[in-house]
């Protein structure tokens, strides 16, 4: 676990924008993000990107 996020910080997770509320709660927009696999033509979920280190309090 990373600990508490920095209130007011936000980041793009590859699909949605996530932000840190002043209470320390992380909220993200909730668009369904799928992409088409070019080899199979099958729809799949977009791989999420984790928050950057400076999103967390006391990050090194």
N, C-alpha and C. Protein backbone atom coordinates (compact mmCIF):
# COMPACT_ATOMS: atom_id res chain seq x y z
N UNK A 1 0.85 -1.19 0.00
CA UNK A 1 0.00 0.00 0.00
C UNK A 1 0.89 1.24 0.00
N UNK A 2 0.50 2.24 -0.75
CA UNK A 2 1.29 3.46 -0.89
C UNK A 2 1.03 4.47 0.21
N UNK A 3 -0.08 4.38 0.91
CA UNK A 3 -0.40 5.35 1.93
C UNK A 3 -1.41 6.36 1.44
N UNK A 4 -1.28 7.58 1.93
CA UNK A 4 -2.24 8.63 1.62
C UNK A 4 -1.84 9.40 0.38
N UNK A 5 -2.84 9.74 -0.44
CA UNK A 5 -2.57 10.54 -1.62
C UNK A 5 -2.52 12.03 -1.24
N UNK A 6 -1.95 12.83 -2.13
CA UNK A 6 -1.83 14.27 -1.91
C UNK A 6 -3.13 14.94 -2.37
N UNK A 7 -3.88 15.55 -1.45
CA UNK A 7 -5.14 16.19 -1.83
C UNK A 7 -4.95 17.18 -2.98
N UNK A 8 -5.84 17.10 -3.96
CA UNK A 8 -5.79 17.99 -5.11
C UNK A 8 -5.01 17.43 -6.29
N UNK A 9 -4.21 16.38 -6.07
CA UNK A 9 -3.43 15.78 -7.16
C UNK A 9 -4.35 14.94 -8.03
N UNK A 10 -4.02 14.84 -9.31
CA UNK A 10 -4.76 13.98 -10.21
C UNK A 10 -3.79 13.32 -11.19
N UNK A 11 -4.26 12.27 -11.84
CA UNK A 11 -3.46 11.60 -12.86
C UNK A 11 -4.39 10.87 -13.83
N UNK A 12 -3.88 10.60 -15.01
CA UNK A 12 -4.62 9.88 -16.04
C UNK A 12 -4.19 8.42 -15.97
N UNK A 13 -5.14 7.51 -15.83
CA UNK A 13 -4.81 6.09 -15.65
C UNK A 13 -4.80 5.28 -16.95
N UNK A 14 -4.81 5.99 -18.08
CA UNK A 14 -4.84 5.32 -19.36
C UNK A 14 -6.24 5.27 -19.95
N UNK A 15 -7.22 5.64 -19.13
CA UNK A 15 -8.61 5.62 -19.56
C UNK A 15 -9.40 6.75 -18.90
N UNK A 16 -9.27 6.88 -17.60
CA UNK A 16 -10.01 7.86 -16.81
C UNK A 16 -9.06 8.78 -16.05
N UNK A 17 -9.59 9.90 -15.59
CA UNK A 17 -8.82 10.79 -14.73
C UNK A 17 -9.17 10.46 -13.29
N UNK A 18 -8.14 10.25 -12.48
CA UNK A 18 -8.33 9.95 -11.06
C UNK A 18 -7.80 11.13 -10.25
N UNK A 19 -8.42 11.40 -9.13
CA UNK A 19 -8.01 12.54 -8.32
C UNK A 19 -8.11 12.20 -6.85
N UNK A 20 -7.34 12.94 -6.06
CA UNK A 20 -7.31 12.75 -4.61
C UNK A 20 -8.15 13.83 -3.95
N UNK A 21 -9.19 13.42 -3.25
CA UNK A 21 -10.04 14.35 -2.50
C UNK A 21 -9.29 14.80 -1.24
N UNK A 22 -9.74 15.89 -0.65
CA UNK A 22 -9.07 16.37 0.57
C UNK A 22 -9.17 15.39 1.72
N UNK A 23 -10.12 14.45 1.66
CA UNK A 23 -10.24 13.42 2.70
C UNK A 23 -9.25 12.28 2.50
N UNK A 24 -8.54 12.29 1.35
CA UNK A 24 -7.61 11.21 1.05
C UNK A 24 -8.22 10.11 0.21
N UNK A 25 -9.51 10.24 -0.10
CA UNK A 25 -10.21 9.27 -0.94
C UNK A 25 -9.83 9.50 -2.40
N UNK A 26 -9.56 8.43 -3.14
CA UNK A 26 -9.23 8.54 -4.56
C UNK A 26 -10.49 8.24 -5.37
N UNK A 27 -10.86 9.16 -6.24
CA UNK A 27 -12.01 8.98 -7.11
C UNK A 27 -11.58 9.07 -8.56
N UNK A 28 -12.21 8.28 -9.41
CA UNK A 28 -11.88 8.29 -10.83
C UNK A 28 -13.16 8.44 -11.65
N UNK A 29 -13.05 9.10 -12.80
CA UNK A 29 -14.18 9.10 -13.72
C UNK A 29 -14.41 7.64 -14.10
N UNK A 30 -15.57 7.31 -14.61
CA UNK A 30 -15.87 5.89 -14.81
C UNK A 30 -16.28 5.54 -16.24
N UNK A 31 -15.50 6.03 -17.20
CA UNK A 31 -15.76 5.65 -18.57
C UNK A 31 -15.32 4.20 -18.77
N UNK A 32 -16.08 3.46 -19.55
CA UNK A 32 -15.68 2.11 -19.91
C UNK A 32 -14.70 2.24 -21.07
N UNK A 33 -13.51 1.73 -20.89
CA UNK A 33 -12.48 1.90 -21.91
C UNK A 33 -12.06 0.55 -22.46
N UNK A 34 -12.38 0.36 -23.69
CA UNK A 34 -12.00 -0.88 -24.35
C UNK A 34 -11.24 -0.54 -25.62
N UNK A 35 -10.43 -1.47 -26.05
CA UNK A 35 -9.73 -1.32 -27.31
C UNK A 35 -9.88 -2.62 -28.08
N UNK A 36 -9.72 -2.55 -29.38
CA UNK A 36 -9.83 -3.73 -30.22
C UNK A 36 -8.44 -4.30 -30.44
N UNK A 37 -8.27 -5.59 -30.14
CA UNK A 37 -7.01 -6.28 -30.39
C UNK A 37 -6.88 -6.41 -31.91
N UNK A 38 -5.82 -5.81 -32.50
CA UNK A 38 -5.70 -5.83 -33.96
C UNK A 38 -5.51 -7.24 -34.55
N UNK A 39 -4.98 -8.16 -33.75
CA UNK A 39 -4.75 -9.52 -34.25
C UNK A 39 -6.01 -10.36 -34.22
N UNK A 40 -6.84 -10.20 -33.19
CA UNK A 40 -8.02 -11.06 -33.04
C UNK A 40 -9.33 -10.34 -33.35
N UNK A 41 -9.30 -9.00 -33.32
CA UNK A 41 -10.52 -8.23 -33.54
C UNK A 41 -11.45 -8.24 -32.33
N UNK A 42 -10.96 -8.77 -31.20
CA UNK A 42 -11.75 -8.88 -29.98
C UNK A 42 -11.56 -7.63 -29.12
N UNK A 43 -12.64 -7.16 -28.52
CA UNK A 43 -12.61 -6.01 -27.63
C UNK A 43 -12.05 -6.44 -26.27
N UNK A 44 -11.16 -5.62 -25.71
CA UNK A 44 -10.60 -5.92 -24.39
C UNK A 44 -10.44 -4.64 -23.60
N UNK A 45 -10.36 -4.78 -22.27
CA UNK A 45 -10.18 -3.62 -21.39
C UNK A 45 -8.79 -3.01 -21.62
N UNK A 46 -8.71 -1.69 -21.54
CA UNK A 46 -7.44 -0.98 -21.64
C UNK A 46 -6.67 -1.24 -20.35
N UNK A 47 -5.37 -1.48 -20.48
CA UNK A 47 -4.54 -1.71 -19.29
C UNK A 47 -4.37 -0.39 -18.55
N UNK A 48 -4.64 -0.40 -17.24
CA UNK A 48 -4.58 0.81 -16.42
C UNK A 48 -3.13 1.15 -16.07
N UNK A 49 -2.86 2.44 -15.98
CA UNK A 49 -1.54 2.96 -15.59
C UNK A 49 -1.62 3.35 -14.12
N UNK A 50 -0.67 2.91 -13.29
CA UNK A 50 -0.70 3.27 -11.87
C UNK A 50 -0.38 4.75 -11.65
N UNK A 51 -0.74 5.29 -10.48
CA UNK A 51 -0.44 6.69 -10.19
C UNK A 51 1.07 6.93 -10.15
N UNK A 52 1.52 8.13 -10.50
CA UNK A 52 2.94 8.45 -10.39
C UNK A 52 3.35 8.55 -8.92
N UNK A 53 4.63 8.40 -8.63
CA UNK A 53 5.09 8.46 -7.23
C UNK A 53 4.68 9.74 -6.50
N UNK A 54 4.65 10.89 -7.20
CA UNK A 54 4.33 12.16 -6.51
C UNK A 54 2.84 12.31 -6.21
N UNK A 55 2.03 11.31 -6.56
CA UNK A 55 0.61 11.32 -6.21
C UNK A 55 0.44 10.99 -4.73
N UNK A 56 1.45 10.36 -4.14
CA UNK A 56 1.39 9.91 -2.74
C UNK A 56 2.14 10.84 -1.82
N UNK A 57 1.63 11.03 -0.60
CA UNK A 57 2.34 11.81 0.42
C UNK A 57 3.61 11.06 0.78
N UNK A 58 4.62 11.80 1.17
CA UNK A 58 5.91 11.23 1.57
C UNK A 58 6.54 10.38 0.49
N UNK A 59 6.30 10.72 -0.79
CA UNK A 59 6.94 9.96 -1.86
C UNK A 59 8.41 10.36 -1.92
N UNK A 60 9.21 9.44 -2.34
CA UNK A 60 10.66 9.68 -2.39
C UNK A 60 11.03 10.28 -3.71
